[in-house]
């Protein structure tokens, strides 16, 4: 009996019993491509054969440098057939960071979208292991000089379908190396094993509340764990006809769900404010969505969001390294990311590792409930792996509170709180208020070192993307905040940007906003003056 926890076996079994079922639809601004189970299997075979022809063998690493294309999932199947390890990378990554990931994983090749090919070739000379690239898309040609052998994926997928056996039989075999965003140093590659992907594929109903006939939707990047674990894996296992956008677009979200009849969708905290800031429409609640699977729904927006769009909110917390809490609809308090899931135990600790009483903020730690030590493997980084699980506990790096009933309330990333005039400021609430201003298309709140120089103090910066840059007046937003926020929450600075820099998981990259804050003073305003600082 084939082990369905291996993605290639799962797809092979479904291809044998339900070959023509269109399990995945990939949409891009109205254009779409679909994948049946049979197509996933056949294309996985073709790509595996093409990689084998280039000398790849089990354990070798290949990067996936693309947005959400069907070839991404084709290659995931190919990876298990051949036994190679995939390295998904946000295609916006470039320069030293991209070279670091490719070198750290010793990638021999890359499956790369045509729009990311120039970036790949630009750093190929700094990646000695990189010898080939399979290019997805038609907008490319051979450059004047290049350091890797290139072939179009179209050609690969036109080849006859071979009959290669699935090389992976052990669930403990590495499937992917998924890199962290590297906000505080070089990115760290989390080793994801086949058994983990297979396990979460079976949790769609029990954990996330999917039902037979649901149509999940995501615009999150497949280079990130959320899109793979929350949407892709359960859909493949349960036979749900998932819809995946090439990229997330807040203005098209509800049109997409209506067009395809999507009943659930997945989002992260960085997306919520952007969606909420869209102009209200009388048909906001006229949509087929019943359930929003959220990681980071701001408490300040929670009830308004659910009421406006007539959806239930399933809130959860999870990280690639492990640890999870869930708050199904109607069970926990608004604002809680849930209770720790069965199979794990957790505690909230101070900087010395001492457990704190209920309600006290501290770092959230996890470990298996059976008493075994927590385990995390960062590729090529045993010191970071040991530090992450020092004392047998997984150190999340996130500051939370936990009440007496075990409900967890996320506060901020450790080291990332905004302390202003002695008080900790809730960025989510400020974001909610600013997002409601009709001239604001998107917003993020972060802190910069206080002009007062007080240790640990920060001034509040509100970065906004205007609906109409030409007509935008910062004074209106300051007046709006002054009339709706407590004095200590009114932003010190208003920063106007063309777009918010975000990771593949839609997290705001505040370090880039801070760089822009320093380098573009003409786009930064204070309340007492419309002159820039």
Protein backbone atom coordinates (compact mmCIF):
# COMPACT_ATOMS: atom_id res chain seq x y z
CA UNK A 1 0.00 0.00 0.00
CA UNK A 2 1.41 3.38 -1.01
CA UNK A 3 2.04 5.81 1.82
CA UNK A 4 -0.11 8.89 1.11
CA UNK A 5 2.06 11.02 3.37
CA UNK A 6 4.46 11.18 0.42
CA UNK A 7 3.00 13.77 -2.00
CA UNK A 8 3.87 11.78 -5.13
CA UNK A 9 2.06 8.70 -3.78
CA UNK A 10 -0.96 10.81 -2.81
CA UNK A 11 -1.20 12.25 -6.32
CA UNK A 12 -0.56 8.86 -7.96
CA UNK A 13 -3.38 7.22 -6.00
CA UNK A 14 -5.83 10.04 -6.81
CA UNK A 15 -4.75 9.95 -10.47
CA UNK A 16 -5.62 6.25 -10.53
CA UNK A 17 -9.08 6.69 -8.99
CA UNK A 18 -10.14 10.17 -10.13
CA UNK A 19 -7.77 11.21 -12.93
CA UNK A 20 -9.81 14.03 -14.50
CA UNK A 21 -10.76 15.84 -11.28
CA UNK A 22 -9.55 19.46 -11.57
CA UNK A 23 -8.18 19.78 -8.08
CA UNK A 24 -6.24 23.03 -8.64
CA UNK A 25 -7.10 26.20 -10.54
CA UNK A 26 -4.41 28.86 -10.91
CA UNK A 27 -5.73 32.30 -11.81
CA UNK A 28 -3.86 35.40 -12.87
CA UNK A 29 -5.97 38.48 -13.55
CA UNK A 30 -8.68 36.52 -15.30
CA UNK A 31 -6.42 34.05 -17.10
CA UNK A 32 -6.40 30.57 -15.63
CA UNK A 33 -4.74 27.17 -15.79
CA UNK A 34 -5.97 24.00 -14.12
CA UNK A 35 -4.39 20.80 -12.94
CA UNK A 36 -6.11 17.44 -12.65
CA UNK A 37 -4.57 14.70 -10.55
CA UNK A 38 -3.47 13.00 -13.78
CA UNK A 39 -1.79 16.16 -15.05
CA UNK A 40 0.05 16.61 -11.76
CA UNK A 41 1.31 13.04 -11.94
CA UNK A 42 2.28 13.15 -15.62
CA UNK A 43 4.04 16.51 -15.29
CA UNK A 44 5.79 15.36 -12.13
CA UNK A 45 7.12 12.37 -14.09
CA UNK A 46 8.30 14.58 -16.95
CA UNK A 47 10.08 17.06 -14.69
CA UNK A 48 11.66 14.26 -12.66
CA UNK A 49 12.99 12.73 -15.88
CA UNK A 50 14.37 16.08 -17.04
CA UNK A 51 16.16 16.61 -13.73
CA UNK A 52 17.55 13.07 -13.78
CA UNK A 53 18.95 13.71 -17.25
CA UNK A 54 20.94 16.56 -15.74
CA UNK A 55 22.51 14.18 -13.26
CA UNK A 56 20.40 14.96 -10.21
CA UNK A 57 19.92 12.24 -7.63
CA UNK A 58 18.18 11.77 -4.31
CA UNK A 59 19.19 14.39 -1.76
CA UNK A 60 20.31 17.03 -4.28
CA UNK A 61 18.78 20.50 -3.92
CA UNK A 62 16.87 22.52 -6.52
CA UNK A 63 15.48 26.02 -6.00
CA UNK A 64 11.92 27.04 -6.90
CA UNK A 65 12.04 30.73 -7.84
CA UNK A 66 8.56 31.72 -8.97
CA UNK A 67 5.16 33.02 -7.98
CA UNK A 68 2.18 30.66 -7.85
CA UNK A 69 2.39 28.77 -11.15
CA UNK A 70 1.01 25.24 -11.66
CA UNK A 71 4.58 24.14 -12.42
CA UNK A 72 5.37 24.81 -8.76
CA UNK A 73 3.13 21.93 -7.67
CA UNK A 74 4.21 19.79 -10.65
CA UNK A 75 7.76 20.13 -9.34
CA UNK A 76 6.74 19.22 -5.78
CA UNK A 77 5.47 15.90 -7.18
CA UNK A 78 8.68 15.52 -9.22
CA UNK A 79 10.75 16.12 -6.12
CA UNK A 80 9.26 13.09 -4.37
CA UNK A 81 9.54 10.93 -7.49
CA UNK A 82 13.26 11.66 -7.79
CA UNK A 83 13.99 12.19 -4.09
CA UNK A 84 15.43 15.68 -4.50
CA UNK A 85 14.99 18.45 -1.95
CA UNK A 86 13.22 21.62 -3.10
CA UNK A 87 14.22 25.11 -1.93
CA UNK A 88 11.27 27.51 -2.43
CA UNK A 89 12.41 31.15 -2.67
CA UNK A 90 10.30 34.28 -3.05
CA UNK A 91 11.06 35.45 -6.64
CA UNK A 92 11.47 39.02 -5.40
CA UNK A 93 14.63 37.92 -3.55
CA UNK A 94 17.79 39.19 -5.17
CA UNK A 95 21.44 40.04 -4.73
CA UNK A 96 23.37 38.84 -1.70
CA UNK A 97 20.30 37.37 -0.01
CA UNK A 98 19.45 35.20 -3.03
CA UNK A 99 23.07 34.14 -3.45
CA UNK A 100 23.23 33.25 0.25
CA UNK A 101 20.20 30.93 0.04
CA UNK A 102 21.39 29.22 -3.15
CA UNK A 103 24.88 28.74 -1.74
CA UNK A 104 23.73 27.69 1.72
CA UNK A 105 21.57 24.95 0.20
CA UNK A 106 24.18 24.14 -2.51
CA UNK A 107 21.46 24.27 -5.16
CA UNK A 108 22.44 22.51 -8.38
CA UNK A 109 19.62 24.08 -10.36
CA UNK A 110 16.55 26.27 -10.28
CA UNK A 111 13.03 26.07 -11.62
CA UNK A 112 12.66 29.77 -12.37
CA UNK A 113 9.92 31.99 -13.81
CA UNK A 114 10.92 34.07 -16.81
CA UNK A 115 10.49 37.34 -14.88
CA UNK A 116 12.92 36.11 -12.18
CA UNK A 117 15.52 34.75 -14.61
CA UNK A 118 17.54 38.00 -14.87
CA UNK A 119 17.82 38.09 -11.07
CA UNK A 120 18.99 34.47 -11.00
CA UNK A 121 21.58 34.97 -13.74
CA UNK A 122 22.78 38.15 -12.07
CA UNK A 123 23.97 36.21 -9.03
CA UNK A 124 24.76 32.87 -10.75
CA UNK A 125 28.47 33.72 -10.89
CA UNK A 126 28.50 33.80 -7.08
CA UNK A 127 26.87 30.35 -6.80
CA UNK A 128 29.44 27.77 -7.98
CA UNK A 129 27.09 24.81 -7.52
CA UNK A 130 24.39 26.21 -9.85
CA UNK A 131 24.58 24.51 -13.27
CA UNK A 132 21.11 24.66 -14.86
CA UNK A 133 17.72 26.34 -14.92
CA UNK A 134 14.31 25.25 -16.19
CA UNK A 135 12.42 28.38 -17.18
CA UNK A 136 8.65 28.74 -16.71
CA UNK A 137 7.06 31.17 -19.16
CA UNK A 138 7.78 32.47 -22.65
CA UNK A 139 9.24 35.92 -22.03
CA UNK A 140 12.88 34.97 -22.10
CA UNK A 141 15.70 34.21 -24.46
CA UNK A 142 19.30 33.16 -24.13
CA UNK A 143 21.33 36.07 -22.78
CA UNK A 144 24.61 37.06 -24.43
CA UNK A 145 26.51 35.21 -21.72
CA UNK A 146 25.25 33.07 -18.90
CA UNK A 147 26.70 30.71 -16.34
CA UNK A 148 23.96 28.05 -16.32
CA UNK A 149 22.37 25.78 -18.93
CA UNK A 150 18.80 26.88 -19.62
CA UNK A 151 15.79 25.00 -20.97
CA UNK A 152 12.15 26.01 -21.27
CA UNK A 153 9.67 24.18 -19.06
CA UNK A 154 7.27 24.09 -22.02
CA UNK A 155 9.66 21.76 -23.80
CA UNK A 156 9.96 19.53 -20.74
CA UNK A 157 6.17 19.24 -20.36
CA UNK A 158 5.75 18.26 -24.03
CA UNK A 159 7.92 15.18 -23.59
CA UNK A 160 6.45 11.67 -23.37
CA UNK A 161 5.43 10.60 -19.88
CA UNK A 162 8.02 8.22 -18.39
CA UNK A 163 7.29 5.63 -15.71
CA UNK A 164 9.68 6.42 -12.90
CA UNK A 165 9.20 4.86 -9.45
CA UNK A 166 8.72 7.12 -6.45
CA UNK A 167 12.14 7.28 -4.81
CA UNK A 168 10.93 8.52 -1.41
CA UNK A 169 9.64 5.82 0.92
CA UNK A 170 10.63 7.15 4.34
CA UNK A 171 8.50 9.99 5.75
CA UNK A 172 11.59 11.35 7.52
CA UNK A 173 13.24 12.13 4.18
CA UNK A 174 13.72 15.89 3.68
CA UNK A 175 11.19 17.34 1.23
CA UNK A 176 11.98 21.06 1.30
CA UNK A 177 14.24 23.66 2.85
CA UNK A 178 12.07 26.70 3.57
CA UNK A 179 14.02 29.81 4.53
CA UNK A 180 12.99 32.33 7.15
CA UNK A 181 12.76 35.97 6.10
CA UNK A 182 16.10 36.82 7.70
CA UNK A 183 14.89 40.00 9.40
CA UNK A 184 17.58 39.84 12.10
CA UNK A 185 20.45 38.22 10.15
CA UNK A 186 21.05 35.66 7.43
CA UNK A 187 17.95 33.59 6.61
CA UNK A 188 17.77 30.16 8.22
CA UNK A 189 16.59 27.15 6.23
CA UNK A 190 13.98 25.06 8.05
CA UNK A 191 14.17 21.42 6.94
CA UNK A 192 10.63 20.20 6.18
CA UNK A 193 10.25 16.44 5.91
CA UNK A 194 7.74 14.57 3.77
CA UNK A 195 5.89 13.28 6.81
CA UNK A 196 5.10 16.79 8.00
CA UNK A 197 3.49 17.79 4.68
CA UNK A 198 1.59 14.49 4.67
CA UNK A 199 0.42 14.93 8.27
CA UNK A 200 -1.03 18.41 7.69
CA UNK A 201 -2.72 17.21 4.49
CA UNK A 202 -4.91 15.03 6.73
CA UNK A 203 -5.84 17.89 9.10
CA UNK A 204 -8.09 19.92 6.79
CA UNK A 205 -11.33 18.85 8.47
CA UNK A 206 -10.19 18.21 12.04
CA UNK A 207 -8.08 21.37 12.44
CA UNK A 208 -9.15 23.94 9.88
CA UNK A 209 -12.81 23.02 9.56
CA UNK A 210 -12.92 22.22 5.84
CA UNK A 211 -15.99 20.35 4.63
CA UNK A 212 -16.58 18.12 1.64
CA UNK A 213 -17.38 20.35 -1.32
CA UNK A 214 -15.53 23.38 0.05
CA UNK A 215 -13.55 25.45 -2.44
CA UNK A 216 -10.53 26.97 -0.68
CA UNK A 217 -8.79 30.06 -2.01
CA UNK A 218 -5.37 31.54 -1.37
CA UNK A 219 -3.31 34.36 -2.81
CA UNK A 220 -0.41 33.63 -0.47
CA UNK A 221 2.86 32.46 -1.99
CA UNK A 222 3.55 28.75 -2.26
CA UNK A 223 7.10 29.59 -1.20
CA UNK A 224 5.59 30.09 2.28
CA UNK A 225 4.27 27.42 4.61
CA UNK A 226 0.74 28.85 4.95
CA UNK A 227 -0.24 28.36 1.29
CA UNK A 228 1.23 24.87 1.24
CA UNK A 229 -0.04 23.61 4.60
CA UNK A 230 -3.36 25.43 5.00
CA UNK A 231 -4.60 25.32 1.39
CA UNK A 232 -2.61 23.05 -0.95
CA UNK A 233 -2.02 19.97 1.21
CA UNK A 234 -5.61 19.58 2.55
CA UNK A 235 -7.06 20.24 -0.91
CA UNK A 236 -4.95 17.52 -2.54
CA UNK A 237 -5.83 15.05 0.20
CA UNK A 238 -9.56 15.83 0.53
CA UNK A 239 -10.24 16.42 -3.16
CA UNK A 240 -11.20 20.08 -2.71
CA UNK A 241 -11.09 22.25 -5.83
CA UNK A 242 -8.68 24.90 -4.61
CA UNK A 243 -8.17 28.24 -6.35
CA UNK A 244 -4.70 29.81 -6.17
CA UNK A 245 -3.90 33.30 -7.42
CA UNK A 246 -0.56 34.09 -9.01
CA UNK A 247 -0.24 36.76 -6.31
CA UNK A 248 -2.46 38.35 -3.69
CA UNK A 249 -4.47 41.38 -4.85
CA UNK A 250 -6.70 42.98 -2.23
CA UNK A 251 -8.93 44.73 -4.76
CA UNK A 252 -9.78 41.46 -6.55
CA UNK A 253 -10.21 39.21 -3.54
CA UNK A 254 -14.00 39.22 -3.38
CA UNK A 255 -14.43 39.18 -7.16
CA UNK A 256 -12.30 36.03 -7.30
CA UNK A 257 -14.25 34.30 -4.55
CA UNK A 258 -17.52 35.14 -6.31
CA UNK A 259 -16.28 34.04 -9.74
CA UNK A 260 -15.12 30.62 -8.52
CA UNK A 261 -17.58 30.11 -5.67
CA UNK A 262 -14.82 29.93 -3.06
CA UNK A 263 -16.15 29.08 0.39
CA UNK A 264 -12.98 29.65 2.41
CA UNK A 265 -9.83 31.68 2.07
CA UNK A 266 -6.61 32.08 3.97
CA UNK A 267 -4.97 35.31 5.05
CA UNK A 268 -2.23 36.64 7.26
CA UNK A 269 -2.28 39.70 9.49
CA UNK A 270 -0.47 41.90 7.01
CA UNK A 271 -3.34 41.42 4.55
CA UNK A 272 -6.25 42.18 6.86
CA UNK A 273 -5.78 45.92 7.09
CA UNK A 274 -5.28 46.17 3.32
CA UNK A 275 -8.55 44.32 2.67
CA UNK A 276 -10.41 46.29 5.31
CA UNK A 277 -9.19 49.61 3.89
CA UNK A 278 -10.93 48.96 0.56
CA UNK A 279 -13.93 51.30 0.08
CA UNK A 280 -17.11 49.85 1.51
CA UNK A 281 -19.59 48.46 -1.01
CA UNK A 282 -23.25 47.59 -0.52
CA UNK A 283 -22.53 44.03 -1.72
CA UNK A 284 -19.60 43.37 0.67
CA UNK A 285 -21.60 40.61 2.36
CA UNK A 286 -22.81 39.15 -0.94
CA UNK A 287 -20.09 36.54 -1.31
CA UNK A 288 -19.88 32.72 -1.06
CA UNK A 289 -17.21 32.70 1.67
CA UNK A 290 -18.28 31.09 4.94
CA UNK A 291 -14.90 30.80 6.69
CA UNK A 292 -11.75 32.92 6.80
CA UNK A 293 -8.70 31.04 8.06
CA UNK A 294 -6.62 33.76 9.61
CA UNK A 295 -3.22 34.01 11.26
CA UNK A 296 -3.01 37.47 12.73
CA UNK A 297 -6.51 38.96 12.65
CA UNK A 298 -6.17 42.20 14.64
CA UNK A 299 -8.58 42.23 17.56
CA UNK A 300 -9.53 45.79 16.65
CA UNK A 301 -10.81 44.64 13.23
CA UNK A 302 -12.09 41.15 14.05
CA UNK A 303 -15.81 41.77 14.66
CA UNK A 304 -16.14 44.55 12.08
CA UNK A 305 -14.45 42.34 9.45
CA UNK A 306 -16.70 39.36 10.22
CA UNK A 307 -19.84 41.50 10.21
CA UNK A 308 -18.97 43.48 7.09
CA UNK A 309 -18.30 40.39 4.96
CA UNK A 310 -20.59 37.98 6.86
CA UNK A 311 -17.89 35.39 7.49
CA UNK A 312 -16.71 33.29 10.42
CA UNK A 313 -13.13 33.75 11.58
CA UNK A 314 -10.92 30.76 12.33
CA UNK A 315 -7.84 32.21 14.01
CA UNK A 316 -4.63 30.29 14.53
CA UNK A 317 -0.96 30.73 15.30
CA UNK A 318 1.77 28.61 13.73
CA UNK A 319 5.37 28.82 12.65
CA UNK A 320 7.52 26.84 10.24
CA UNK A 321 9.66 25.67 13.14
CA UNK A 322 6.61 24.27 14.92
CA UNK A 323 4.11 25.15 17.64
CA UNK A 324 0.45 25.83 17.00
CA UNK A 325 -2.65 27.29 18.64
CA UNK A 326 -6.20 27.33 17.24
CA UNK A 327 -9.33 29.37 17.93
CA UNK A 328 -12.25 27.91 15.93
CA UNK A 329 -15.30 30.13 15.33
CA UNK A 330 -17.40 30.68 18.42
CA UNK A 331 -15.04 28.98 20.86
CA UNK A 332 -12.48 31.50 22.08
CA UNK A 333 -12.39 35.18 22.81
CA UNK A 334 -12.10 37.75 20.04
CA UNK A 335 -8.42 38.59 19.72
CA UNK A 336 -7.12 35.22 20.89
CA UNK A 337 -5.04 33.13 18.51
CA UNK A 338 -6.32 30.07 20.34
CA UNK A 339 -5.35 27.30 22.70
CA UNK A 340 -2.35 25.06 22.19
CA UNK A 341 -3.28 22.08 19.99
CA UNK A 342 -3.44 18.52 21.35
CA UNK A 343 -0.07 16.80 21.29
CA UNK A 344 1.75 19.92 22.48
CA UNK A 345 2.13 21.74 25.76
CA UNK A 346 3.22 25.32 26.20
CA UNK A 347 4.11 27.98 28.69
CA UNK A 348 4.82 31.71 28.80
CA UNK A 349 8.20 32.63 30.26
CA UNK A 350 10.26 35.66 31.19
CA UNK A 351 13.76 36.39 29.85
CA UNK A 352 15.23 33.93 32.35
CA UNK A 353 12.96 31.07 31.25
CA UNK A 354 10.77 31.27 34.38
CA UNK A 355 7.10 30.50 33.83
CA UNK A 356 4.87 33.53 34.28
CA UNK A 357 1.39 33.67 35.87
CA UNK A 358 -1.72 34.07 33.70
CA UNK A 359 -2.00 37.44 32.00
CA UNK A 360 1.70 38.34 32.23
CA UNK A 361 3.39 38.96 28.85
CA UNK A 362 6.35 36.76 27.95
CA UNK A 363 7.79 34.48 25.29
CA UNK A 364 5.70 31.47 24.23
CA UNK A 365 7.49 28.10 24.46
CA UNK A 366 6.27 24.72 23.18
CA UNK A 367 7.26 21.09 23.55
CA UNK A 368 5.65 17.69 22.75
CA UNK A 369 3.11 16.57 25.32
CA UNK A 370 4.74 13.13 25.57
CA UNK A 371 7.74 14.66 27.32
CA UNK A 372 10.16 14.31 24.45
CA UNK A 373 12.30 17.35 23.63
CA UNK A 374 11.29 19.79 20.90
CA UNK A 375 13.31 19.44 17.71
CA UNK A 376 14.04 21.95 14.96
CA UNK A 377 16.55 21.49 12.15
CA UNK A 378 17.99 24.52 10.46
CA UNK A 379 19.95 23.38 7.42
CA UNK A 380 23.70 23.86 7.82
CA UNK A 381 23.16 25.65 11.15
CA UNK A 382 23.36 23.30 14.16
CA UNK A 383 24.08 26.15 16.57
CA UNK A 384 20.86 27.96 15.64
CA UNK A 385 18.96 24.65 15.86
CA UNK A 386 20.25 24.05 19.39
CA UNK A 387 19.53 27.61 20.50
CA UNK A 388 15.96 27.42 19.18
CA UNK A 389 15.25 24.34 21.33
CA UNK A 390 17.46 25.03 24.34
CA UNK A 391 16.31 23.03 27.35
CA UNK A 392 14.02 20.84 25.21
CA UNK A 393 11.52 23.65 24.58
CA UNK A 394 10.85 25.36 21.25
CA UNK A 395 11.45 29.08 21.80
CA UNK A 396 8.92 30.83 19.56
CA UNK A 397 10.43 34.31 19.75
CA UNK A 398 6.90 35.71 20.10
CA UNK A 399 5.59 37.62 23.11
CA UNK A 400 2.08 36.61 24.19
CA UNK A 401 -0.17 36.50 27.20
CA UNK A 402 -2.08 33.37 28.27
CA UNK A 403 -5.15 33.53 30.45
CA UNK A 404 -6.09 31.06 33.18
CA UNK A 405 -8.11 28.98 30.69
CA UNK A 406 -5.21 28.58 28.29
CA UNK A 407 -6.27 31.11 25.66
CA UNK A 408 -3.24 32.75 24.04
CA UNK A 409 -3.16 36.40 22.96
CA UNK A 410 -0.36 37.42 20.60
CA UNK A 411 1.36 40.69 21.49
CA UNK A 412 4.39 41.22 19.23
CA UNK A 413 7.55 39.65 17.91
CA UNK A 414 10.19 39.62 20.64
CA UNK A 415 12.12 42.86 20.39
CA UNK A 416 9.45 44.37 18.15
CA UNK A 417 7.07 46.12 20.55
CA UNK A 418 6.44 49.88 20.31
CA UNK A 419 7.01 51.53 23.68
CA UNK A 420 5.96 55.18 23.44
CA UNK A 421 6.00 57.57 26.38
CA UNK A 422 6.16 54.64 28.78
CA UNK A 423 3.20 52.75 27.30
CA UNK A 424 3.18 49.83 24.89
CA UNK A 425 1.26 50.90 21.78
CA UNK A 426 -1.06 48.52 19.92
CA UNK A 427 -0.14 49.02 16.23
CA UNK A 428 -3.20 47.06 15.04
CA UNK A 429 -5.64 49.52 16.55
CA UNK A 430 -3.89 52.51 14.96
CA UNK A 431 -3.83 50.65 11.64
CA UNK A 432 -7.58 50.03 11.89
CA UNK A 433 -8.35 53.71 12.43
CA UNK A 434 -6.06 54.91 9.64
CA UNK A 435 -7.32 52.22 7.24
CA UNK A 436 -10.83 53.60 7.64
CA UNK A 437 -9.78 56.94 6.15
CA UNK A 438 -11.07 57.04 2.55
CA UNK A 439 -7.79 58.43 1.20
CA UNK A 440 -5.73 55.47 2.51
CA UNK A 441 -5.25 52.33 0.41
CA UNK A 442 -2.91 50.47 2.78
CA UNK A 443 -1.19 51.16 6.09
CA UNK A 444 1.43 49.81 8.46
CA UNK A 445 2.53 51.08 11.87
CA UNK A 446 6.04 50.65 13.24
CA UNK A 447 8.45 52.37 15.59
CA UNK A 448 11.70 54.29 15.19
CA UNK A 449 14.14 55.33 17.90
CA UNK A 450 12.56 58.16 19.86
CA UNK A 451 13.84 61.65 19.09
CA UNK A 452 14.01 62.15 22.86
CA UNK A 453 16.77 59.56 23.05
CA UNK A 454 15.05 57.77 25.95
CA UNK A 455 16.29 54.14 26.16
CA UNK A 456 13.77 51.65 24.77
CA UNK A 457 11.40 54.42 23.68
CA UNK A 458 10.13 54.66 20.12
CA UNK A 459 8.23 57.23 18.13
CA UNK A 460 5.22 55.96 16.18
CA UNK A 461 5.39 55.96 12.38
CA UNK A 462 2.31 55.38 10.23
CA UNK A 463 3.30 54.36 6.70
CA UNK A 464 0.42 54.88 4.27
CA UNK A 465 -0.19 54.09 0.63
CA UNK A 466 -2.56 56.80 -0.67
CA UNK A 467 -5.53 55.97 -2.88
CA UNK A 468 -4.58 58.99 -4.99
CA UNK A 469 -1.03 60.27 -4.36
CA UNK A 470 -1.70 63.52 -6.21
CA UNK A 471 -4.63 64.46 -3.99
CA UNK A 472 -3.30 63.11 -0.70
CA UNK A 473 -3.09 65.58 2.19
CA UNK A 474 -1.21 64.34 5.31
CA UNK A 475 -2.95 66.98 7.44
CA UNK A 476 -6.28 65.22 6.91
CA UNK A 477 -4.92 61.94 8.23
CA UNK A 478 -3.40 63.61 11.29
CA UNK A 479 -6.76 65.30 12.00
CA UNK A 480 -8.51 61.96 11.53
CA UNK A 481 -6.17 60.29 14.04
CA UNK A 482 -6.39 63.14 16.54
CA UNK A 483 -10.20 62.89 16.61
CA UNK A 484 -10.28 59.09 16.97
CA UNK A 485 -7.19 58.02 18.95
CA UNK A 486 -5.90 58.58 22.44
CA UNK A 487 -3.20 61.24 22.55
CA UNK A 488 -0.40 58.75 23.07
CA UNK A 489 -1.49 56.77 20.02
CA UNK A 490 -1.53 59.65 17.55
CA UNK A 491 1.42 59.01 15.22
CA UNK A 492 4.57 61.04 15.55
CA UNK A 493 5.28 60.70 11.85
CA UNK A 494 3.25 60.03 8.70
CA UNK A 495 5.28 58.33 5.97
CA UNK A 496 3.89 58.29 2.42
CA UNK A 497 5.00 55.34 0.23
CA UNK A 498 4.03 53.93 -3.15
CA UNK A 499 3.58 50.43 -1.71
CA UNK A 500 4.33 48.57 1.50
CA UNK A 501 7.32 46.22 1.21
CA UNK A 502 6.11 42.73 2.09
CA UNK A 503 7.51 39.22 2.27
CA UNK A 504 6.09 36.26 0.39
CA UNK A 505 3.90 35.65 3.43
CA UNK A 506 2.54 39.23 3.25
CA UNK A 507 4.42 40.32 6.37
CA UNK A 508 5.43 43.96 6.34
CA UNK A 509 9.20 44.38 6.06
CA UNK A 510 9.58 47.26 8.47
CA UNK A 511 13.34 47.43 8.02
CA UNK A 512 12.79 48.63 4.45
CA UNK A 513 10.23 51.16 5.62
CA UNK A 514 12.77 52.36 8.19
CA UNK A 515 15.40 52.71 5.44
CA UNK A 516 12.96 54.74 3.34
CA UNK A 517 12.16 56.81 6.43
CA UNK A 518 15.83 57.78 6.67
CA UNK A 519 16.58 58.08 2.97
CA UNK A 520 13.40 59.84 1.77
CA UNK A 521 12.73 62.59 4.33
CA UNK A 522 10.63 64.51 1.82
CA UNK A 523 7.98 61.78 2.18
CA UNK A 524 7.81 61.99 6.00
CA UNK A 525 5.48 64.44 7.77
CA UNK A 526 4.81 65.59 11.33
CA UNK A 527 1.50 66.72 12.72
CA UNK A 528 2.60 70.19 13.79
CA UNK A 529 3.83 71.03 10.31
CA UNK A 530 3.23 69.92 6.77
CA UNK A 531 6.92 70.39 6.14
CA UNK A 532 8.94 67.20 5.87
CA UNK A 533 11.36 66.24 8.61
